[in-house]
């Protein structure tokens, strides 16, 4: 039988809650460990110019277009917040079907911000109609890459919504199926980004 010091079990009881606390904090702030890794990678990609950002002249932007995967959490909330601020905007998803409602946990979290997502209906990428003056704002670098590879959208200026967030987050991890705490964190970041965008692009008015 392997020898174990008498104090080992006490040490374990002290360290397990610390580990659990760290995991809980990570999940609340970044969604998952993968979310943190992708955030760190996104910082590097934006610093090195590998994110395929195409920045517009601010005075040329007439509409903000929010982009995510399903158009049921992040971009849906961004659109609703922007519209409430009187910003000309729309949103779409890269992997969705048009006409679907917002994710119920996102609706519940949005209520805390005084934002009603119940009327929202998804728009798939193929149903989005580009206009002169559109600025595409994605949540993740890999989404920017997909936009850059789409012949219909490649000529439009594009950036990452989280670059305007406080704190700066070039990767806004998908909150779908994650904790309520992270959903609130994600929406807080989106809300702060939209507020900054209102000042950055004053010509984008509804």
Protein backbone atom coordinates (compact mmCIF):
# COMPACT_ATOMS: atom_id res chain seq x y z
CA UNK A 1 0.00 0.00 0.00
CA UNK A 2 1.35 3.40 -0.97
CA UNK A 3 2.20 5.67 1.96
CA UNK A 4 0.30 8.95 2.18
CA UNK A 5 1.06 11.59 4.81
CA UNK A 6 -1.69 12.22 7.32
CA UNK A 7 -1.98 15.86 6.24
CA UNK A 8 -2.50 15.01 2.53
CA UNK A 9 -6.28 14.85 2.69
CA UNK A 10 -6.38 18.25 4.41
CA UNK A 11 -4.14 19.71 1.73
CA UNK A 12 -6.42 18.35 -0.96
CA UNK A 13 -9.48 19.83 0.74
CA UNK A 14 -7.76 23.21 0.76
CA UNK A 15 -6.60 23.14 -2.86
CA UNK A 16 -9.75 21.77 -4.53
CA UNK A 17 -11.92 24.81 -3.70
CA UNK A 18 -9.16 27.11 -5.03
CA UNK A 19 -9.06 25.19 -8.28
CA UNK A 20 -12.85 25.27 -8.46
CA UNK A 21 -12.85 29.02 -7.85
CA UNK A 22 -10.35 29.56 -10.66
CA UNK A 23 -12.41 27.42 -13.01
CA UNK A 24 -15.54 29.36 -12.09
CA UNK A 25 -13.80 32.69 -12.67
CA UNK A 26 -12.45 31.51 -16.03
CA UNK A 27 -15.91 30.34 -17.10
CA UNK A 28 -17.49 33.62 -16.01
CA UNK A 29 -14.92 35.81 -17.79
CA UNK A 30 -14.07 33.82 -20.93
CA UNK A 31 -16.75 31.13 -21.29
CA UNK A 32 -14.33 28.20 -21.44
CA UNK A 33 -10.59 27.59 -21.42
CA UNK A 34 -10.84 27.46 -25.22
CA UNK A 35 -12.38 30.92 -25.11
CA UNK A 36 -9.34 32.22 -23.22
CA UNK A 37 -6.92 30.53 -25.64
CA UNK A 38 -8.74 31.98 -28.65
CA UNK A 39 -8.70 35.41 -27.05
CA UNK A 40 -4.93 35.23 -26.59
CA UNK A 41 -4.51 34.06 -30.19
CA UNK A 42 -6.77 36.88 -31.41
CA UNK A 43 -4.63 39.44 -29.61
CA UNK A 44 -1.62 38.08 -31.49
CA UNK A 45 -3.42 37.93 -34.82
CA UNK A 46 -4.63 41.52 -34.58
CA UNK A 47 -1.20 42.75 -33.49
CA UNK A 48 0.46 40.99 -36.44
CA UNK A 49 -2.15 42.06 -38.99
CA UNK A 50 -3.32 38.49 -39.58
CA UNK A 51 -6.96 39.09 -38.65
CA UNK A 52 -7.84 40.47 -42.12
CA UNK A 53 -9.29 43.68 -40.75
CA UNK A 54 -10.12 46.31 -43.36
CA UNK A 55 -10.66 49.59 -41.54
CA UNK A 56 -12.90 52.23 -43.15
CA UNK A 57 -12.68 55.98 -42.96
CA UNK A 58 -15.13 56.77 -40.13
CA UNK A 59 -17.06 59.34 -42.17
CA UNK A 60 -17.87 56.72 -44.84
CA UNK A 61 -19.69 54.33 -42.50
CA UNK A 62 -23.47 54.58 -42.76
CA UNK A 63 -24.58 51.26 -41.22
CA UNK A 64 -23.16 48.80 -38.68
CA UNK A 65 -23.61 45.13 -39.55
CA UNK A 66 -23.09 42.69 -36.68
CA UNK A 67 -21.98 39.17 -37.56
CA UNK A 68 -21.70 35.94 -35.57
CA UNK A 69 -22.40 32.25 -36.12
CA UNK A 70 -26.08 31.74 -35.34
CA UNK A 71 -27.38 35.34 -35.03
CA UNK A 72 -29.22 34.31 -31.87
CA UNK A 73 -26.99 35.74 -29.09
CA UNK A 74 -24.09 38.09 -29.75
CA UNK A 75 -25.01 39.78 -33.03
CA UNK A 76 -28.72 39.75 -32.15
CA UNK A 77 -28.04 41.64 -28.92
CA UNK A 78 -25.63 44.04 -30.62
CA UNK A 79 -28.24 44.91 -33.22
CA UNK A 80 -30.92 45.48 -30.59
CA UNK A 81 -28.65 47.72 -28.51
CA UNK A 82 -27.53 49.69 -31.57
CA UNK A 83 -31.09 50.18 -32.77
CA UNK A 84 -32.11 51.46 -29.34
CA UNK A 85 -29.31 54.04 -29.62
CA UNK A 86 -30.60 55.23 -32.99
CA UNK A 87 -27.78 53.62 -34.97
CA UNK A 88 -28.45 52.31 -38.48
CA UNK A 89 -27.75 48.59 -38.17
CA UNK A 90 -28.58 45.01 -39.01
CA UNK A 91 -27.14 41.58 -38.23
CA UNK A 92 -26.71 38.14 -39.73
CA UNK A 93 -25.30 34.71 -38.97
CA UNK A 94 -22.72 32.76 -40.92
CA UNK A 95 -24.27 29.40 -40.01
CA UNK A 96 -27.98 29.82 -39.44
CA UNK A 97 -31.41 29.76 -41.02
CA UNK A 98 -33.45 32.92 -41.46
CA UNK A 99 -36.49 33.45 -39.25
CA UNK A 100 -35.39 31.82 -35.97
CA UNK A 101 -35.90 33.56 -32.62
CA UNK A 102 -33.13 34.56 -30.24
CA UNK A 103 -31.64 32.03 -27.80
CA UNK A 104 -33.86 31.97 -24.66
CA UNK A 105 -30.94 32.47 -22.21
CA UNK A 106 -29.84 35.46 -24.31
CA UNK A 107 -33.37 36.88 -24.11
CA UNK A 108 -33.34 36.49 -20.34
CA UNK A 109 -29.89 38.09 -20.00
CA UNK A 110 -30.81 40.93 -22.36
CA UNK A 111 -33.77 41.79 -20.13
CA UNK A 112 -31.25 42.83 -17.47
CA UNK A 113 -30.02 45.51 -19.87
CA UNK A 114 -33.54 46.67 -20.67
CA UNK A 115 -33.23 45.14 -24.15
CA UNK A 116 -36.03 42.98 -25.56
CA UNK A 117 -34.75 40.26 -27.89
CA UNK A 118 -38.14 38.58 -28.27
CA UNK A 119 -38.95 40.25 -31.62
CA UNK A 120 -35.56 39.27 -33.09
CA UNK A 121 -35.47 36.89 -36.04
CA UNK A 122 -32.30 35.53 -37.54
CA UNK A 123 -30.92 36.42 -40.95
CA UNK A 124 -28.59 34.03 -42.73
CA UNK A 125 -25.57 35.40 -44.54
CA UNK A 126 -27.08 34.70 -47.96
CA UNK A 127 -30.12 36.86 -47.12
CA UNK A 128 -28.09 39.86 -46.04
CA UNK A 129 -28.19 42.63 -48.67
CA UNK A 130 -24.96 44.69 -48.61
CA UNK A 131 -25.16 48.47 -48.96
CA UNK A 132 -22.54 51.13 -49.63
CA UNK A 133 -21.34 52.38 -46.25
CA UNK A 134 -21.75 49.04 -44.44
CA UNK A 135 -19.17 48.06 -41.84
CA UNK A 136 -19.08 44.35 -40.96
CA UNK A 137 -18.36 43.71 -37.27
CA UNK A 138 -17.59 40.09 -36.43
CA UNK A 139 -17.10 38.47 -33.03
CA UNK A 140 -14.13 36.23 -33.89
CA UNK A 141 -11.09 36.32 -36.18
CA UNK A 142 -12.17 33.14 -37.95
CA UNK A 143 -15.44 34.86 -38.85
CA UNK A 144 -13.48 37.71 -40.41
CA UNK A 145 -11.62 35.15 -42.50
CA UNK A 146 -14.92 33.74 -43.76
CA UNK A 147 -16.14 37.21 -44.65
CA UNK A 148 -12.89 37.94 -46.50
CA UNK A 149 -13.29 34.70 -48.48
CA UNK A 150 -16.86 35.50 -49.58
CA UNK A 151 -16.73 37.21 -53.02
CA UNK A 152 -19.99 39.01 -52.27
CA UNK A 153 -18.64 40.56 -49.05
CA UNK A 154 -14.85 40.72 -49.47
CA UNK A 155 -14.84 44.34 -50.65
CA UNK A 156 -16.68 45.64 -47.58
CA UNK A 157 -14.72 47.07 -44.64
CA UNK A 158 -14.66 44.71 -41.68
CA UNK A 159 -13.43 44.57 -38.13
CA UNK A 160 -13.95 42.90 -34.75
CA UNK A 161 -16.68 44.21 -32.49
CA UNK A 162 -14.65 43.44 -29.38
CA UNK A 163 -11.95 45.94 -30.35
CA UNK A 164 -14.38 48.63 -29.14
CA UNK A 165 -15.32 46.76 -25.95
CA UNK A 166 -14.19 47.60 -22.44
CA UNK A 167 -11.98 45.74 -21.74
CA UNK A 168 -10.74 45.23 -25.31
CA UNK A 169 -11.67 41.73 -26.52
CA UNK A 170 -10.74 40.81 -30.10
CA UNK A 171 -12.41 37.45 -29.44
CA UNK A 172 -15.95 37.43 -28.03
CA UNK A 173 -16.48 33.74 -27.34
CA UNK A 174 -19.87 32.28 -28.26
CA UNK A 175 -22.06 32.15 -25.11
CA UNK A 176 -24.46 29.59 -26.61
CA UNK A 177 -24.94 26.65 -24.19
CA UNK A 178 -22.50 28.16 -21.68
CA UNK A 179 -23.20 29.54 -18.19
CA UNK A 180 -25.63 32.34 -17.41
CA UNK A 181 -22.73 34.21 -15.81
CA UNK A 182 -20.72 34.18 -19.02
CA UNK A 183 -23.78 35.14 -21.07
CA UNK A 184 -24.06 38.28 -18.92
CA UNK A 185 -20.33 38.96 -19.30
CA UNK A 186 -20.53 38.60 -23.07
CA UNK A 187 -23.51 40.91 -23.37
CA UNK A 188 -21.83 43.48 -21.12
CA UNK A 189 -18.86 43.51 -23.48
CA UNK A 190 -21.13 43.84 -26.52
CA UNK A 191 -23.03 46.67 -24.86
CA UNK A 192 -19.83 48.58 -24.11
CA UNK A 193 -18.61 48.08 -27.68
CA UNK A 194 -21.81 49.43 -29.22
CA UNK A 195 -21.62 52.51 -26.99
CA UNK A 196 -18.09 53.20 -28.26
CA UNK A 197 -19.12 52.58 -31.88
CA UNK A 198 -21.81 55.25 -31.61
CA UNK A 199 -19.08 57.84 -31.02
CA UNK A 200 -16.63 56.32 -33.50
CA UNK A 201 -19.06 56.34 -36.46
CA UNK A 202 -21.39 59.32 -36.05
CA UNK A 203 -22.68 59.10 -39.63
CA UNK A 204 -24.24 55.68 -39.01
CA UNK A 205 -27.63 56.99 -37.93
CA UNK A 206 -31.02 55.42 -38.46
